[in-house]
Amino acid sequence: MKKHSLMVNKDDQFEVDQDILTSAFQWFDNHSTNVKLIFDENYKIVYISYSAEIIFGYTKDCLYGSHLLDYVSEDHIDLIKKSVNSLGFDRVTVEIAFKNSDGNTVHTSTHLGKIIDNHKGKTYYIGIINDISELKTARKMLMNSEKLSSVGQLAASVVHEIRNPLTSIKGFLQLLEKDTQEQKVYFDIMTEEIEKIESITSELLYIAKPSPNKVQNEDLTTIIKEVCLLMRSQARLNEISIEFISEEEQYHLNCDRSQIKQVFINLIKNAIEAMKEPGTIQVKVYQDDVLTVDVIDEGEGVPVELKDRIGEPFLSTKEKGTGLGLMVTKQILDKHHASLSVLDNEENGSIFRIRFY
């Protein structure tokens, strides 16, 4: 019987039977909480662990020799192809949705690597698939919780913003009862004020709805303008103005509109809360080497030791802050292949910089 030596330390070693090693690896295979697989350049599965039956509902024999892409959700096929094509000899990690035997979606964090068979001149790919469906559900619940928190904080300021246009409308209607000679001017003003109410309330309702996770081509400048309109009411209560600056009229981005709105609501809300004195928040959109957005406040700034930790849960510079807003923000940006960094503003305050890759 063939035996293998295992080094324990420099002075001690012992031998293990091949049968024991085979049994041990089979045990690992049968009881693993993730799926291990190997596939070739044509995505043909040449090896897969027994644990696939636990996670996907398919037997090992059923999956062996089949086409991996047949089990990938249609909207993630291009993503896995892109990830495989970009592989060097370092692993990459990508979130891929698979279809199980019941037709339901299994969300995974999949580690991919590449190996080359020098004897046959073939390339193979290794995958370790971890089921993160429960984690995705928890993230979604957290994001919805953060949205409701934002809506609640905005409610008081929105009431103030709505009250002023309604006062104008009521006053002009009273005047119209007495004198209709200037009614066109009055009607123009009333129409403008009503449209303002509609815009604010529709934005508030849009943010409050659960995200549809719908990615499509959007104009980023329009999205940010809408958020600035929504947030100006809260800013005015603190004697803060919001200035939007864009080098171009439009910047197109493939994104989930609702989620990207949530990102800028969180960042502008944080900027308002960071400013103890009246001032201006600038939101700049420009094309550097990549599409970039800066949210610039005039607050006290972020301590150096916390800059690299921004996005950690429950990490906040505010007395009653939870840090969950920035955590949700970073998760959304990760999904959109974007980064968030914090820089010092030259005069005072901070620059929260988003870069879309």
Protein backbone atom coordinates (compact mmCIF):
# COMPACT_ATOMS: atom_id res chain seq x y z
CA MET A 1 0.00 0.00 0.00
CA LYS A 2 1.39 3.42 -0.97
CA LYS A 3 2.16 5.73 1.92
CA HIS A 4 2.75 9.49 2.13
CA SER A 5 4.96 11.34 4.59
CA LEU A 6 3.70 14.48 6.25
CA MET A 7 6.17 16.91 7.84
CA VAL A 8 5.12 17.94 11.33
CA ASN A 9 8.33 19.72 12.26
CA LYS A 10 12.02 19.41 11.49
CA ASP A 11 12.51 16.46 13.85
CA ASP A 12 9.26 14.54 13.54
CA GLN A 13 7.33 13.00 10.63
CA PHE A 14 4.78 10.26 10.15
CA GLU A 15 3.27 8.35 7.26
CA VAL A 16 -0.36 8.29 6.12
CA ASP A 17 -1.90 5.57 3.97
CA GLN A 18 -3.15 6.62 0.54
CA ASP A 19 -6.54 5.12 1.43
CA ILE A 20 -6.76 7.37 4.48
CA LEU A 21 -5.99 10.43 2.37
CA THR A 22 -8.57 9.38 -0.21
CA SER A 23 -11.18 8.88 2.51
CA ALA A 24 -10.31 12.23 4.09
CA PHE A 25 -10.63 14.13 0.81
CA GLN A 26 -13.89 12.33 0.06
CA TRP A 27 -15.18 13.40 3.48
CA PHE A 28 -14.14 16.99 2.76
CA ASP A 29 -15.92 16.76 -0.59
CA ASN A 30 -19.14 15.34 0.84
CA HIS A 31 -19.40 17.69 3.81
CA SER A 32 -18.12 20.93 2.30
CA THR A 33 -20.34 24.01 2.59
CA ASN A 34 -19.12 25.26 -0.78
CA VAL A 35 -18.96 23.80 -4.27
CA LYS A 36 -15.63 23.09 -5.93
CA LEU A 37 -15.44 22.63 -9.68
CA ILE A 38 -13.07 22.54 -12.63
CA PHE A 39 -14.14 23.49 -16.16
CA ASP A 40 -12.34 23.77 -19.46
CA GLU A 41 -12.08 26.58 -22.01
CA ASN A 42 -15.50 25.62 -23.41
CA TYR A 43 -17.08 25.81 -19.92
CA LYS A 44 -17.49 22.02 -19.85
CA ILE A 45 -17.50 20.81 -16.24
CA VAL A 46 -14.74 18.20 -15.80
CA TYR A 47 -14.99 17.96 -12.03
CA ILE A 48 -17.50 19.09 -9.41
CA SER A 49 -17.88 18.24 -5.73
CA TYR A 50 -20.77 16.30 -4.22
CA SER A 51 -21.78 19.43 -2.29
CA ALA A 52 -23.36 20.74 -5.53
CA GLU A 53 -26.41 18.65 -4.67
CA ILE A 54 -26.83 20.47 -1.35
CA ILE A 55 -26.52 23.96 -2.84
CA PHE A 56 -27.92 23.53 -6.36
CA GLY A 57 -30.04 20.38 -6.07
CA TYR A 58 -28.26 18.62 -8.95
CA THR A 59 -26.30 15.41 -8.46
CA LYS A 60 -22.61 15.28 -9.25
CA ASP A 61 -23.28 12.79 -12.08
CA CYS A 62 -25.86 15.13 -13.61
CA LEU A 63 -23.48 18.10 -13.63
CA TYR A 64 -20.37 16.23 -14.74
CA GLY A 65 -19.70 16.87 -18.43
CA SER A 66 -22.43 19.49 -18.75
CA HIS A 67 -22.04 23.15 -19.70
CA LEU A 68 -21.45 25.47 -16.75
CA LEU A 69 -23.19 28.45 -18.40
CA ASP A 70 -26.44 26.45 -18.57
CA TYR A 71 -26.70 26.93 -14.79
CA VAL A 72 -25.74 30.62 -14.67
CA SER A 73 -28.53 33.23 -14.59
CA GLU A 74 -28.84 34.83 -18.01
CA ASP A 75 -28.01 38.34 -16.80
CA HIS A 76 -24.74 37.06 -15.25
CA ILE A 77 -23.40 35.06 -18.20
CA ASP A 78 -21.46 38.03 -19.62
CA LEU A 79 -20.09 38.75 -16.14
CA ILE A 80 -18.64 35.27 -15.64
CA LYS A 81 -17.22 35.26 -19.18
CA LYS A 82 -15.58 38.62 -18.58
CA SER A 83 -14.14 37.40 -15.26
CA VAL A 84 -12.75 34.21 -16.81
CA ASN A 85 -11.22 36.09 -19.74
CA SER A 86 -9.51 38.53 -17.37
CA LEU A 87 -7.87 35.79 -15.28
CA GLY A 88 -4.14 35.79 -14.85
CA PHE A 89 -2.63 33.51 -12.27
CA ASP A 90 -4.21 35.35 -9.36
CA ARG A 91 -7.72 34.47 -8.31
CA VAL A 92 -10.66 36.81 -8.80
CA THR A 93 -13.84 36.91 -6.75
CA VAL A 94 -17.15 37.74 -8.38
CA GLU A 95 -20.78 37.55 -7.27
CA ILE A 96 -22.59 35.22 -9.66
CA ALA A 97 -26.24 34.13 -9.61
CA PHE A 98 -26.91 30.47 -10.49
CA LYS A 99 -30.17 28.61 -11.14
CA ASN A 100 -30.88 25.62 -8.92
CA SER A 101 -32.86 22.51 -9.86
CA ASP A 102 -36.13 24.20 -8.79
CA GLY A 103 -35.50 27.16 -11.08
CA ASN A 104 -34.78 29.50 -8.16
CA THR A 105 -31.79 31.84 -7.97
CA VAL A 106 -28.82 31.01 -5.77
CA HIS A 107 -26.60 34.04 -5.11
CA THR A 108 -22.94 33.13 -4.76
CA SER A 109 -19.53 34.57 -4.11
CA THR A 110 -17.37 32.64 -6.55
CA HIS A 111 -13.57 32.50 -6.48
CA LEU A 112 -12.05 31.77 -9.89
CA GLY A 113 -8.53 30.67 -10.79
CA LYS A 114 -6.67 29.34 -13.82
CA ILE A 115 -4.35 26.35 -14.27
CA ILE A 116 -2.54 25.13 -17.38
CA ASP A 117 -1.87 21.54 -18.37
CA ASN A 118 1.57 21.92 -19.93
CA HIS A 119 1.60 18.33 -21.22
CA LYS A 120 -1.60 18.69 -23.23
CA GLY A 121 -1.41 22.46 -23.74
CA LYS A 122 -4.87 22.97 -22.29
CA THR A 123 -6.19 25.60 -19.92
CA TYR A 124 -8.57 24.78 -17.10
CA TYR A 125 -10.40 26.97 -14.64
CA ILE A 126 -11.04 26.30 -10.96
CA GLY A 127 -14.05 27.63 -9.09
CA ILE A 128 -14.98 27.68 -5.42
CA ILE A 129 -18.64 28.64 -5.07
CA ASN A 130 -20.02 29.92 -1.75
CA ASP A 131 -23.77 30.34 -1.28
CA ILE A 132 -24.43 33.90 -0.04
CA SER A 133 -28.19 33.98 -0.63
CA GLU A 134 -28.92 34.63 3.06
CA LEU A 135 -26.25 37.33 3.17
CA LYS A 136 -27.81 39.01 0.10
CA THR A 137 -31.21 38.93 1.79
CA ALA A 138 -29.74 40.50 4.94
CA ARG A 139 -28.03 43.19 2.86
CA LYS A 140 -31.30 43.99 1.08
CA MET A 141 -33.12 44.28 4.41
CA LEU A 142 -30.40 46.59 5.69
CA MET A 143 -30.57 48.77 2.58
CA ASN A 144 -34.36 49.04 2.88
CA SER A 145 -33.96 49.91 6.56
CA GLU A 146 -31.50 52.65 5.65
CA LYS A 147 -33.90 53.98 3.02
CA LEU A 148 -36.73 54.19 5.55
CA SER A 149 -34.39 55.99 7.96
CA SER A 150 -33.51 58.53 5.25
CA VAL A 151 -37.17 59.05 4.37
CA GLY A 152 -38.05 59.59 8.03
CA GLN A 153 -35.33 62.22 8.47
CA LEU A 154 -36.41 63.97 5.29
CA ALA A 155 -40.09 64.04 6.25
CA ALA A 156 -39.90 67.13 8.52
CA SER A 157 -37.94 69.19 6.02
CA VAL A 158 -40.22 68.12 3.14
CA VAL A 159 -43.24 69.33 5.11
CA HIS A 160 -41.62 72.78 5.37
CA GLU A 161 -40.80 72.72 1.66
CA ILE A 162 -44.37 71.82 0.68
CA ARG A 163 -45.99 74.32 3.04
CA ASN A 164 -44.50 77.39 1.31
CA PRO A 165 -45.81 76.59 -2.19
CA LEU A 166 -49.22 75.75 -0.76
CA THR A 167 -49.32 79.12 1.01
CA SER A 168 -48.56 80.86 -2.30
CA ILE A 169 -51.26 78.89 -4.11
CA LYS A 170 -53.83 79.63 -1.42
CA GLY A 171 -53.01 83.35 -1.45
CA PHE A 172 -53.24 83.65 -5.22
CA LEU A 173 -56.52 81.76 -5.32
CA GLN A 174 -57.92 84.25 -2.81
CA LEU A 175 -56.77 87.12 -5.01
CA LEU A 176 -58.32 85.51 -8.08
CA GLU A 177 -61.70 85.65 -6.39
CA LYS A 178 -61.44 89.45 -6.25
CA ASP A 179 -59.61 90.30 -9.43
CA THR A 180 -59.11 88.12 -12.51
CA GLN A 181 -57.25 90.65 -14.70
CA GLU A 182 -53.82 89.23 -13.81
CA GLN A 183 -54.96 85.63 -13.72
CA LYS A 184 -52.43 84.38 -16.34
CA VAL A 185 -49.49 85.49 -14.21
CA TYR A 186 -51.09 83.93 -11.15
CA PHE A 187 -51.78 80.68 -12.96
CA ASP A 188 -48.15 80.50 -14.17
CA ILE A 189 -46.86 80.90 -10.62
CA MET A 190 -49.34 78.38 -9.23
CA THR A 191 -48.42 75.86 -11.92
CA GLU A 192 -44.73 76.27 -11.13
CA GLU A 193 -45.33 75.78 -7.41
CA ILE A 194 -47.56 72.73 -7.98
CA GLU A 195 -44.89 71.14 -10.20
CA LYS A 196 -42.38 71.71 -7.42
CA ILE A 197 -44.63 69.87 -4.95
CA GLU A 198 -45.10 67.01 -7.42
CA SER A 199 -41.38 66.73 -8.04
CA ILE A 200 -40.46 66.59 -4.34
CA THR A 201 -43.18 64.14 -3.37
CA SER A 202 -42.55 61.83 -6.34
CA GLU A 203 -38.84 61.72 -5.51
CA LEU A 204 -39.64 60.91 -1.89
CA LEU A 205 -41.95 58.07 -2.93
CA TYR A 206 -39.41 56.77 -5.46
CA ILE A 207 -36.74 56.48 -2.79
CA ALA A 208 -39.13 54.83 -0.33
CA LYS A 209 -40.02 52.00 -2.74
CA PRO A 210 -37.91 48.81 -2.63
CA SER A 211 -35.16 48.81 -5.24
CA PRO A 212 -36.09 46.83 -8.38
CA ASN A 213 -32.41 45.93 -9.00
CA LYS A 214 -32.89 47.07 -12.57
CA VAL A 215 -29.66 48.04 -14.31
CA GLN A 216 -29.95 50.16 -17.43
CA ASN A 217 -28.33 53.14 -19.14
CA GLU A 218 -29.04 56.30 -17.13
CA ASP A 219 -27.98 59.95 -17.20
CA LEU A 220 -26.01 60.45 -13.99
CA THR A 221 -26.40 64.25 -14.07
CA THR A 222 -30.20 63.93 -14.08
CA ILE A 223 -30.09 61.50 -11.15
CA ILE A 224 -27.91 63.83 -9.06
CA LYS A 225 -30.00 66.90 -9.93
CA GLU A 226 -33.10 65.10 -8.68
CA VAL A 227 -31.33 64.16 -5.43
CA CYS A 228 -30.12 67.74 -4.95
CA LEU A 229 -33.70 68.97 -5.38
CA LEU A 230 -34.88 66.48 -2.77
CA MET A 231 -32.12 67.33 -0.28
CA ARG A 232 -32.26 71.13 -0.58
CA SER A 233 -35.21 71.30 1.80
CA GLN A 234 -33.24 69.58 4.56
CA ALA A 235 -30.18 71.71 3.76
CA ARG A 236 -32.12 74.98 4.02
CA LEU A 237 -33.21 74.12 7.56
CA ASN A 238 -29.50 74.22 8.42
CA GLU A 239 -28.81 77.34 6.30
CA ILE A 240 -26.80 75.27 3.85
CA SER A 241 -26.98 75.56 0.07
CA ILE A 242 -26.31 72.74 -2.40
CA GLU A 243 -24.45 73.62 -5.59
CA PHE A 244 -24.44 71.19 -8.51
CA ILE A 245 -21.57 71.48 -11.03
CA SER A 246 -21.16 69.36 -14.17
CA GLU A 247 -18.60 69.72 -16.95
CA GLU A 248 -20.99 68.15 -19.47
CA GLU A 249 -24.77 68.18 -19.82
CA GLN A 250 -24.97 64.39 -19.65
CA TYR A 251 -22.85 61.53 -18.34
CA HIS A 252 -24.24 58.09 -19.12
CA LEU A 253 -23.85 55.19 -16.74
CA ASN A 254 -25.19 51.64 -16.55
CA CYS A 255 -26.69 51.49 -13.08
CA ASP A 256 -29.68 50.81 -10.86
CA ARG A 257 -31.24 54.27 -10.70
CA SER A 258 -32.83 53.83 -7.28
CA GLN A 259 -29.66 52.48 -5.68
CA ILE A 260 -27.44 55.24 -7.09
CA LYS A 261 -29.93 57.80 -5.80
CA GLN A 262 -29.60 56.22 -2.37
CA VAL A 263 -25.81 56.66 -2.59
CA PHE A 264 -26.06 60.41 -3.15
CA ILE A 265 -28.83 60.86 -0.59
CA ASN A 266 -26.55 59.24 1.99
CA LEU A 267 -23.50 61.31 1.02
CA ILE A 268 -25.32 64.64 0.89
CA LYS A 269 -27.15 63.87 4.15
CA ASN A 270 -23.79 63.12 5.79
CA ALA A 271 -22.37 66.36 4.39
CA ILE A 272 -25.28 68.36 5.85
CA GLU A 273 -24.83 66.72 9.25
CA ALA A 274 -21.07 67.34 9.16
CA MET A 275 -21.52 71.12 8.81
CA LYS A 276 -22.18 72.89 12.11
CA GLU A 277 -22.19 76.33 10.45
CA PRO A 278 -24.01 77.74 7.38
CA GLY A 279 -22.18 77.08 4.14
CA THR A 280 -22.25 75.32 0.78
CA ILE A 281 -22.10 71.69 -0.31
CA GLN A 282 -20.74 71.21 -3.81
CA VAL A 283 -21.57 68.17 -5.94
CA LYS A 284 -19.23 68.00 -8.94
CA VAL A 285 -19.49 65.55 -11.85
CA TYR A 286 -16.58 65.31 -14.26
CA GLN A 287 -14.62 62.96 -16.47
CA ASP A 288 -11.14 62.26 -15.17
CA ASP A 289 -9.58 59.03 -16.42
CA VAL A 290 -12.94 57.61 -15.24
CA LEU A 291 -16.35 59.12 -14.49
CA THR A 292 -15.98 60.85 -11.10
CA VAL A 293 -18.31 62.57 -8.64
CA ASP A 294 -17.13 64.70 -5.68
CA VAL A 295 -19.38 65.60 -2.76
CA ILE A 296 -17.59 68.45 -0.98
CA ASP A 297 -18.63 69.75 2.43
CA GLU A 298 -17.33 72.47 4.74
CA GLY A 299 -17.47 70.46 7.95
CA GLU A 300 -14.76 69.46 10.39
CA GLY A 301 -13.34 66.73 8.18
CA VAL A 302 -12.71 63.03 8.77
CA PRO A 303 -9.85 62.03 11.12
CA VAL A 304 -6.91 60.43 9.28
CA GLU A 305 -7.18 57.19 11.24
CA LEU A 306 -10.80 56.71 10.11
CA LYS A 307 -10.47 57.46 6.38
CA ASP A 308 -9.52 53.92 5.39
CA ARG A 309 -12.25 52.48 7.62
CA ILE A 310 -15.13 54.43 6.09
CA GLY A 311 -17.95 52.01 5.35
CA GLU A 312 -17.45 49.77 8.36
CA PRO A 313 -20.74 49.18 10.23
CA PHE A 314 -21.23 51.25 13.37
CA LEU A 315 -18.19 53.42 12.56
CA SER A 316 -19.26 57.06 12.66
CA THR A 317 -17.84 60.43 13.65
CA LYS A 318 -21.34 61.58 14.67
CA GLU A 319 -22.52 61.19 18.24
CA LYS A 320 -25.69 59.34 17.24
CA GLY A 321 -24.43 57.93 13.95
CA THR A 322 -24.40 54.20 13.17
CA GLY A 323 -22.19 54.22 10.08
CA LEU A 324 -24.77 52.04 8.32
CA GLY A 325 -25.49 54.68 5.68
CA LEU A 326 -21.91 54.62 4.41
CA MET A 327 -21.78 50.84 4.69
CA VAL A 328 -24.83 50.56 2.42
CA THR A 329 -23.28 53.18 0.13
CA LYS A 330 -20.07 51.16 -0.27
CA GLN A 331 -22.00 47.95 -0.91
CA ILE A 332 -24.02 49.63 -3.66
CA LEU A 333 -20.87 51.10 -5.21
CA ASP A 334 -19.11 47.72 -5.09
CA LYS A 335 -22.01 46.26 -7.08
CA HIS A 336 -21.60 49.07 -9.62
CA HIS A 337 -17.82 48.56 -9.89
CA ALA A 338 -17.18 51.93 -8.26
CA SER A 339 -14.98 53.08 -5.39
CA LEU A 340 -15.45 55.55 -2.55
CA SER A 341 -12.55 57.48 -1.03
CA VAL A 342 -12.29 60.37 1.44
CA LEU A 343 -9.94 63.32 0.91
CA ASP A 344 -9.34 66.55 2.78
CA ASN A 345 -10.85 69.67 1.28
CA GLU A 346 -8.12 72.31 0.77
CA GLU A 347 -9.90 74.94 2.87
CA ASN A 348 -11.92 72.89 5.34
CA GLY A 349 -14.15 69.86 5.30
CA SER A 350 -14.00 66.66 3.28
CA ILE A 351 -14.32 65.42 -0.28
CA PHE A 352 -16.17 62.13 -0.71
CA ARG A 353 -15.04 60.95 -4.13
CA ILE A 354 -16.81 58.29 -6.19
CA ARG A 355 -15.06 56.80 -9.21
CA PHE A 356 -16.99 54.59 -11.67
CA TYR A 357 -14.71 52.11 -13.45
